[in-house]
Amino acid sequence: EVPRVRVVAAAVGLALLLGVEEVAAGGIAHRADLVGELALLAVGQLTRVTGGWQRGTSPAAYRGAYLTTTSKGQRLSRTSSGVRRIALVVGTGPGFGRVAVFFRGVQIRTVSLASTSRHARVLIPVATFAQVRSGQVRISTLSGRSVRIEGLGILSRP
């Protein structure tokens, strides 16, 4: 019989532990491997490097809050260790601007937040690294258009 595999997740504080377990006949798991830990950081856990951000609240936003700006060159940051993947949680909408995402001082992606209609809790994958790394993630606005950041996702592997 070919073993089945299922993905399991467990919330621990503000992190989500992701794993895979091998399931034998009868549905009994006999081996589990930790795949990684996903930390979805709310905006209160990000450092406002520049002062042009305003905090807003909305039940539609991730964890009920967001940071917004309409100024070019505004920056947010977070230093993390064991980084395997980076993602943004954002709000999108008509006429929204763009952000650049940097890791360890190097620009890794430009993300447009423009869409035909408004959306909250949009998860945008930014980068995946072959090996875990540590360093600062920085988000920088590229235009004077509306930008809404709701969170930052960091996946680390054991």
Protein backbone atom coordinates (compact mmCIF):
# COMPACT_ATOMS: atom_id res chain seq x y z
CA GLU A 1 0.00 0.00 0.00
CA VAL A 2 1.25 3.46 -0.86
CA PRO A 3 1.29 5.74 2.21
CA ARG A 4 -0.88 8.82 2.12
CA VAL A 5 0.39 12.21 3.20
CA ARG A 6 -1.57 15.06 4.75
CA VAL A 7 -0.65 18.63 5.60
CA VAL A 8 -1.14 19.64 9.20
CA ALA A 9 -1.04 23.05 10.82
CA ALA A 10 -1.05 24.23 14.40
CA ALA A 11 -1.30 27.80 15.64
CA VAL A 12 1.31 28.71 18.24
CA GLY A 13 0.97 32.31 19.35
CA LEU A 14 1.05 34.44 16.20
CA ALA A 15 2.89 31.76 14.20
CA LEU A 16 1.52 28.85 12.25
CA LEU A 17 3.55 25.62 12.33
CA LEU A 18 3.23 23.72 9.07
CA GLY A 19 3.96 20.01 8.80
CA VAL A 20 3.42 16.93 6.74
CA GLU A 21 2.50 13.59 8.27
CA GLU A 22 2.57 10.18 6.67
CA VAL A 23 -0.66 8.29 7.21
CA ALA A 24 -0.75 4.49 7.30
CA ALA A 25 -3.72 2.22 6.77
CA GLY A 26 -6.57 3.00 9.12
CA GLY A 27 -5.77 6.72 9.13
CA ILE A 28 -3.10 6.50 11.84
CA ALA A 29 -0.23 8.95 11.45
CA HIS A 30 3.10 7.31 12.15
CA ARG A 31 5.56 9.96 11.00
CA ALA A 32 5.38 13.75 11.00
CA ASP A 33 7.92 16.24 9.65
CA LEU A 34 7.94 19.95 10.37
CA VAL A 35 7.94 21.83 7.05
CA GLY A 36 8.24 25.32 8.44
CA GLU A 37 6.89 28.10 10.58
CA LEU A 38 4.82 30.83 8.97
CA ALA A 39 4.73 34.11 10.84
CA LEU A 40 2.17 36.55 9.48
CA LEU A 41 3.23 39.76 11.14
CA ALA A 42 0.59 42.42 11.72
CA VAL A 43 1.43 46.06 10.97
CA GLY A 44 2.09 46.75 14.65
CA GLN A 45 5.10 44.43 14.38
CA LEU A 46 6.70 46.43 11.55
CA THR A 47 9.04 49.36 12.13
CA ARG A 48 7.99 52.63 10.50
CA VAL A 49 11.34 53.85 9.19
CA THR A 50 9.76 57.06 7.88
CA GLY A 51 6.96 59.12 9.39
CA GLY A 52 4.54 59.33 6.48
CA TRP A 53 2.42 56.31 7.45
CA GLN A 54 -1.07 56.52 8.93
CA ARG A 55 -2.58 53.61 10.85
CA GLY A 56 -6.11 52.62 9.96
CA THR A 57 -8.53 49.98 11.14
CA SER A 58 -10.99 47.86 9.21
CA PRO A 59 -12.61 44.51 9.95
CA ALA A 60 -11.72 43.51 6.37
CA ALA A 61 -7.96 44.05 6.93
CA TYR A 62 -5.62 41.34 8.21
CA ARG A 63 -5.93 41.40 12.04
CA GLY A 64 -8.15 44.49 11.67
CA ALA A 65 -5.43 47.08 10.96
CA TYR A 66 -3.27 48.49 8.17
CA LEU A 67 -0.71 51.17 7.44
CA THR A 68 -1.35 53.53 4.53
CA THR A 69 0.48 56.33 2.77
CA THR A 70 0.27 58.37 -0.41
CA SER A 71 3.88 59.57 -0.24
CA LYS A 72 6.77 58.30 -2.35
CA GLY A 73 9.81 56.98 -0.47
CA GLN A 74 8.03 55.83 2.71
CA ARG A 75 9.63 52.77 4.32
CA LEU A 76 8.71 49.93 6.69
CA SER A 77 11.09 47.25 7.92
CA ARG A 78 11.42 44.08 9.95
CA THR A 79 14.54 42.09 10.82
CA SER A 80 14.02 38.31 10.85
CA SER A 81 16.13 35.18 11.12
CA GLY A 82 15.69 31.84 9.39
CA VAL A 83 13.89 33.38 6.40
CA ARG A 84 12.94 30.92 3.65
CA ARG A 85 10.05 32.81 1.96
CA ILE A 86 8.72 36.36 2.06
CA ALA A 87 5.19 37.53 1.26
CA LEU A 88 3.19 40.74 1.66
CA VAL A 89 -0.36 41.07 2.92
CA VAL A 90 -1.80 44.16 1.24
CA GLY A 91 -4.88 46.04 0.20
CA THR A 92 -5.32 46.61 -3.54
CA GLY A 93 -7.56 48.91 -5.54
CA PRO A 94 -7.97 51.23 -8.53
CA GLY A 95 -5.16 53.79 -8.76
CA PHE A 96 -3.10 52.16 -5.98
CA GLY A 97 0.69 52.51 -6.20
CA ARG A 98 3.74 50.25 -6.21
CA VAL A 99 6.21 49.11 -3.57
CA ALA A 100 9.72 47.73 -3.79
CA VAL A 101 10.68 44.93 -1.42
CA PHE A 102 14.30 44.65 -0.30
CA PHE A 103 16.05 41.90 1.64
CA ARG A 104 19.49 42.48 3.12
CA GLY A 105 19.69 45.77 1.18
CA VAL A 106 19.00 44.21 -2.24
CA GLN A 107 15.77 44.86 -4.13
CA ILE A 108 14.09 41.49 -4.70
CA ARG A 109 10.73 42.49 -6.19
CA THR A 110 8.51 45.37 -7.27
CA VAL A 111 4.82 44.85 -6.49
CA SER A 112 1.90 46.76 -8.00
CA LEU A 113 -1.09 47.18 -5.69
CA ALA A 114 -3.37 48.36 -8.52
CA SER A 115 -6.47 46.30 -9.30
CA THR A 116 -9.84 46.94 -10.90
CA SER A 117 -11.69 46.78 -7.57
CA ARG A 118 -10.77 47.09 -3.88
CA HIS A 119 -9.60 44.00 -2.01
CA ALA A 120 -8.23 43.41 1.49
CA ARG A 121 -6.04 40.55 2.81
CA VAL A 122 -4.32 39.97 -0.53
CA LEU A 123 -1.33 37.66 -0.03
CA ILE A 124 1.44 38.34 -2.56
CA PRO A 125 4.41 35.96 -2.65
CA VAL A 126 7.61 38.02 -2.97
CA ALA A 127 10.61 35.67 -2.83
CA THR A 128 11.74 32.13 -2.08
CA PHE A 129 15.32 31.36 -1.10
CA ALA A 130 17.14 28.05 -1.63
CA GLN A 131 18.68 28.32 1.86
CA VAL A 132 17.45 30.02 5.01
CA ARG A 133 18.78 33.54 5.51
CA SER A 134 18.66 36.24 8.12
CA GLY A 135 18.38 39.97 7.60
CA GLN A 136 16.17 42.98 7.22
CA VAL A 137 13.08 43.03 5.00
CA ARG A 138 12.30 46.57 3.85
CA ILE A 139 9.22 47.81 2.00
CA SER A 140 9.54 51.13 0.16
CA THR A 141 6.84 53.05 -1.71
CA LEU A 142 7.69 53.97 -5.30
CA SER A 143 5.00 56.51 -6.13
CA GLY A 144 2.74 59.12 -4.61
CA ARG A 145 -0.27 56.85 -5.00
CA SER A 146 -2.16 55.04 -2.26
CA VAL A 147 -0.38 52.07 -0.64
CA ARG A 148 -1.99 49.87 2.01
CA ILE A 149 0.17 47.35 3.90
CA GLU A 150 -1.69 44.92 6.16
CA GLY A 151 1.12 42.55 7.10
CA LEU A 152 4.31 40.72 6.24
CA GLY A 153 4.63 36.95 5.87
CA ILE A 154 7.86 35.18 6.78
CA LEU A 155 8.20 31.41 6.31
CA SER A 156 11.12 29.80 8.07
CA ARG A 157 12.26 26.21 7.89
CA PRO A 158 13.78 24.18 10.68
